[in-house]
N, C-alpha and C. Protein backbone atom coordinates (compact mmCIF):
# COMPACT_ATOMS: atom_id res chain seq x y z
N MET A 1 -2.82 -12.22 5.88
CA MET A 1 -2.35 -11.75 4.60
C MET A 1 -0.85 -12.02 4.46
N HIS A 2 -0.13 -11.86 5.56
CA HIS A 2 1.32 -12.08 5.51
C HIS A 2 1.66 -13.52 5.11
N ALA A 3 0.98 -14.48 5.70
CA ALA A 3 1.25 -15.88 5.40
C ALA A 3 0.91 -16.21 3.95
N LEU A 4 -0.18 -15.67 3.44
CA LEU A 4 -0.57 -15.90 2.05
C LEU A 4 0.48 -15.32 1.10
N THR A 5 0.95 -14.12 1.40
CA THR A 5 1.98 -13.48 0.59
C THR A 5 3.26 -14.31 0.59
N GLU A 6 3.66 -14.80 1.75
CA GLU A 6 4.86 -15.63 1.84
C GLU A 6 4.72 -16.91 1.03
N CYS A 7 3.54 -17.51 1.07
CA CYS A 7 3.28 -18.74 0.31
C CYS A 7 3.38 -18.47 -1.19
N TRP A 8 2.73 -17.40 -1.66
CA TRP A 8 2.80 -17.05 -3.08
C TRP A 8 4.23 -16.76 -3.50
N ARG A 9 4.97 -16.05 -2.63
CA ARG A 9 6.35 -15.71 -2.96
C ARG A 9 7.19 -16.98 -3.12
N ALA A 10 7.03 -17.93 -2.23
CA ALA A 10 7.79 -19.18 -2.30
C ALA A 10 7.45 -19.97 -3.56
N GLU A 11 6.18 -20.00 -3.92
CA GLU A 11 5.75 -20.76 -5.09
C GLU A 11 6.11 -20.08 -6.41
N LEU A 12 6.06 -18.77 -6.46
CA LEU A 12 6.21 -18.05 -7.73
C LEU A 12 7.62 -17.54 -7.99
N ARG A 13 8.48 -17.56 -7.00
CA ARG A 13 9.84 -17.04 -7.16
C ARG A 13 10.60 -17.76 -8.27
N GLN A 14 10.42 -19.05 -8.39
CA GLN A 14 11.11 -19.84 -9.43
C GLN A 14 10.68 -19.43 -10.84
N HIS A 15 9.57 -18.75 -10.96
CA HIS A 15 9.08 -18.27 -12.26
C HIS A 15 9.39 -16.78 -12.47
N ASN A 16 10.29 -16.25 -11.66
CA ASN A 16 10.70 -14.83 -11.71
C ASN A 16 9.52 -13.88 -11.48
N ILE A 17 8.60 -14.29 -10.63
CA ILE A 17 7.48 -13.42 -10.26
C ILE A 17 7.73 -12.95 -8.84
N ARG A 18 7.78 -11.64 -8.67
CA ARG A 18 8.02 -11.06 -7.35
C ARG A 18 6.68 -10.75 -6.69
N VAL A 19 6.51 -11.24 -5.49
CA VAL A 19 5.29 -10.97 -4.72
C VAL A 19 5.69 -10.07 -3.55
N MET A 20 5.07 -8.90 -3.48
CA MET A 20 5.40 -7.92 -2.46
C MET A 20 4.14 -7.53 -1.71
N GLN A 21 4.31 -7.24 -0.44
CA GLN A 21 3.18 -6.85 0.40
C GLN A 21 3.37 -5.40 0.84
N VAL A 22 2.31 -4.61 0.73
CA VAL A 22 2.32 -3.21 1.17
C VAL A 22 1.32 -3.08 2.31
N ASN A 23 1.78 -2.53 3.42
CA ASN A 23 0.95 -2.34 4.61
C ASN A 23 0.81 -0.84 4.89
N PRO A 24 -0.26 -0.21 4.42
CA PRO A 24 -0.42 1.22 4.69
C PRO A 24 -1.20 1.47 5.98
N SER A 25 -0.89 2.59 6.62
CA SER A 25 -1.75 3.01 7.73
C SER A 25 -2.97 3.70 7.09
N GLU A 26 -3.69 4.49 7.84
CA GLU A 26 -4.91 5.10 7.31
C GLU A 26 -4.60 6.00 6.11
N VAL A 27 -5.35 5.79 5.04
CA VAL A 27 -5.15 6.55 3.80
C VAL A 27 -6.46 7.25 3.45
N LEU A 28 -6.38 8.54 3.20
CA LEU A 28 -7.56 9.29 2.78
C LEU A 28 -7.82 9.03 1.30
N THR A 29 -9.01 8.57 0.98
CA THR A 29 -9.40 8.31 -0.40
C THR A 29 -10.81 8.84 -0.61
N SER A 30 -11.27 8.76 -1.83
CA SER A 30 -12.65 9.17 -2.13
C SER A 30 -13.60 7.97 -2.05
N PHE A 31 -13.12 6.84 -1.54
CA PHE A 31 -13.96 5.66 -1.39
C PHE A 31 -15.15 6.00 -0.50
N GLY A 32 -16.32 5.68 -0.96
CA GLY A 32 -17.53 5.95 -0.21
C GLY A 32 -18.08 7.34 -0.43
N GLU A 33 -17.40 8.11 -1.26
CA GLU A 33 -17.88 9.46 -1.54
C GLU A 33 -19.24 9.35 -2.23
N GLY A 34 -20.16 10.15 -1.81
CA GLY A 34 -21.49 10.11 -2.39
C GLY A 34 -22.43 9.16 -1.66
N ALA A 35 -21.93 8.49 -0.63
CA ALA A 35 -22.78 7.60 0.15
C ALA A 35 -23.80 8.46 0.91
N SER A 36 -24.90 7.85 1.29
CA SER A 36 -25.96 8.61 1.93
C SER A 36 -25.64 9.02 3.37
N SER A 37 -24.66 8.40 3.98
CA SER A 37 -24.32 8.72 5.36
C SER A 37 -23.58 10.05 5.45
N PRO A 38 -23.98 10.95 6.33
CA PRO A 38 -23.30 12.24 6.45
C PRO A 38 -21.89 12.11 7.03
N THR A 39 -21.57 11.00 7.67
CA THR A 39 -20.24 10.82 8.25
C THR A 39 -19.26 10.20 7.26
N SER A 40 -19.73 9.88 6.05
CA SER A 40 -18.85 9.22 5.08
C SER A 40 -17.85 10.18 4.45
N ALA A 41 -18.16 11.46 4.39
CA ALA A 41 -17.25 12.44 3.78
C ALA A 41 -16.18 12.81 4.79
N LYS A 42 -14.91 12.61 4.41
CA LYS A 42 -13.80 12.94 5.28
C LYS A 42 -13.11 14.19 4.73
N PRO A 43 -12.90 15.18 5.58
CA PRO A 43 -12.19 16.37 5.11
C PRO A 43 -10.73 16.04 4.82
N ASP A 44 -10.13 16.79 3.90
CA ASP A 44 -8.72 16.58 3.59
C ASP A 44 -7.89 16.88 4.83
N ASN A 45 -6.93 16.01 5.11
CA ASN A 45 -6.05 16.18 6.26
C ASN A 45 -4.62 16.01 5.76
N PRO A 46 -3.85 17.09 5.67
CA PRO A 46 -2.51 17.02 5.11
C PRO A 46 -1.54 16.17 5.92
N SER A 47 -1.89 15.81 7.15
CA SER A 47 -0.99 15.00 7.96
C SER A 47 -1.24 13.50 7.80
N LYS A 48 -2.27 13.13 7.02
CA LYS A 48 -2.54 11.71 6.77
C LYS A 48 -2.10 11.34 5.37
N LEU A 49 -1.93 10.06 5.13
CA LEU A 49 -1.49 9.58 3.83
C LEU A 49 -2.58 9.74 2.78
N HIS A 50 -2.16 9.93 1.55
CA HIS A 50 -3.06 10.00 0.41
C HIS A 50 -2.75 8.82 -0.52
N ALA A 51 -3.67 8.50 -1.40
CA ALA A 51 -3.48 7.38 -2.32
C ALA A 51 -2.19 7.53 -3.13
N GLU A 52 -1.83 8.76 -3.47
CA GLU A 52 -0.61 9.00 -4.26
C GLU A 52 0.64 8.57 -3.49
N ASP A 53 0.62 8.67 -2.17
CA ASP A 53 1.76 8.24 -1.36
C ASP A 53 1.96 6.73 -1.47
N ILE A 54 0.87 5.99 -1.46
CA ILE A 54 0.95 4.54 -1.58
C ILE A 54 1.40 4.16 -2.98
N ALA A 55 0.87 4.85 -3.98
CA ALA A 55 1.28 4.59 -5.37
C ALA A 55 2.77 4.84 -5.54
N HIS A 56 3.28 5.90 -4.94
CA HIS A 56 4.71 6.22 -5.03
C HIS A 56 5.56 5.09 -4.44
N LEU A 57 5.13 4.56 -3.30
CA LEU A 57 5.84 3.45 -2.66
C LEU A 57 5.85 2.23 -3.58
N ILE A 58 4.71 1.89 -4.15
CA ILE A 58 4.61 0.71 -5.02
C ILE A 58 5.49 0.87 -6.26
N VAL A 59 5.47 2.04 -6.88
CA VAL A 59 6.31 2.28 -8.06
C VAL A 59 7.78 2.11 -7.70
N ASN A 60 8.20 2.64 -6.56
CA ASN A 60 9.59 2.50 -6.14
C ASN A 60 9.97 1.04 -5.89
N MET A 61 9.06 0.27 -5.32
CA MET A 61 9.33 -1.15 -5.09
C MET A 61 9.48 -1.88 -6.43
N LEU A 62 8.66 -1.54 -7.41
CA LEU A 62 8.71 -2.22 -8.71
C LEU A 62 9.90 -1.79 -9.56
N GLU A 63 10.43 -0.59 -9.33
CA GLU A 63 11.54 -0.10 -10.14
C GLU A 63 12.88 -0.69 -9.75
N MET A 64 12.95 -1.41 -8.66
CA MET A 64 14.21 -2.00 -8.22
C MET A 64 14.71 -3.01 -9.25
N GLU A 65 16.02 -3.07 -9.44
CA GLU A 65 16.61 -4.02 -10.37
C GLU A 65 16.21 -5.45 -10.03
N ASP A 66 16.16 -6.32 -11.02
CA ASP A 66 15.68 -7.69 -10.85
C ASP A 66 16.55 -8.57 -9.95
N ARG A 67 17.74 -8.12 -9.60
CA ARG A 67 18.61 -8.96 -8.76
C ARG A 67 18.16 -8.98 -7.30
N GLY A 68 17.20 -8.15 -6.96
CA GLY A 68 16.68 -8.13 -5.60
C GLY A 68 15.30 -7.52 -5.59
N PHE A 69 14.59 -7.66 -4.49
CA PHE A 69 13.28 -7.02 -4.37
C PHE A 69 12.91 -6.86 -2.91
N VAL A 70 12.06 -5.89 -2.66
CA VAL A 70 11.55 -5.64 -1.32
C VAL A 70 10.38 -6.59 -1.11
N THR A 71 10.43 -7.38 -0.05
CA THR A 71 9.36 -8.34 0.18
C THR A 71 8.14 -7.72 0.85
N GLU A 72 8.37 -6.72 1.71
CA GLU A 72 7.27 -6.12 2.45
C GLU A 72 7.64 -4.70 2.84
N SER A 73 6.66 -3.82 2.81
CA SER A 73 6.89 -2.44 3.21
C SER A 73 5.67 -1.93 3.97
N THR A 74 5.94 -1.25 5.07
CA THR A 74 4.89 -0.64 5.87
C THR A 74 5.09 0.87 5.82
N ILE A 75 4.03 1.59 5.50
CA ILE A 75 4.12 3.04 5.41
C ILE A 75 3.13 3.66 6.39
N TRP A 76 3.64 4.59 7.20
CA TRP A 76 2.83 5.26 8.21
C TRP A 76 2.85 6.75 7.96
N ALA A 77 1.77 7.41 8.27
CA ALA A 77 1.75 8.87 8.25
C ALA A 77 2.69 9.37 9.34
N THR A 78 3.37 10.46 9.07
CA THR A 78 4.35 10.97 10.02
C THR A 78 3.71 11.37 11.35
N ASN A 79 2.64 12.13 11.28
CA ASN A 79 1.98 12.60 12.50
C ASN A 79 0.49 12.79 12.24
N PRO A 80 -0.28 11.70 12.14
CA PRO A 80 -1.71 11.85 11.85
C PRO A 80 -2.44 12.50 13.03
N LYS A 81 -3.37 13.36 12.68
CA LYS A 81 -4.17 14.06 13.71
C LYS A 81 -5.61 13.69 13.58
């Protein structure tokens, strides 16, 4: 994924298109909710990342002034249990 992102960034930069990569650690989502498997439901864990945390990171990356941009960001839960 990193190499593909770098390639797109090199090709699209001249057109003022910013290509950024976000690397999240485990994120609790409702994906798979309602699946027939009893192990698919994950209880809420306040020490793990939530989708809103990733959204917040992306919004902050996009709000940066056009004279610069963050090429890549990795976000980890502080202390996942």
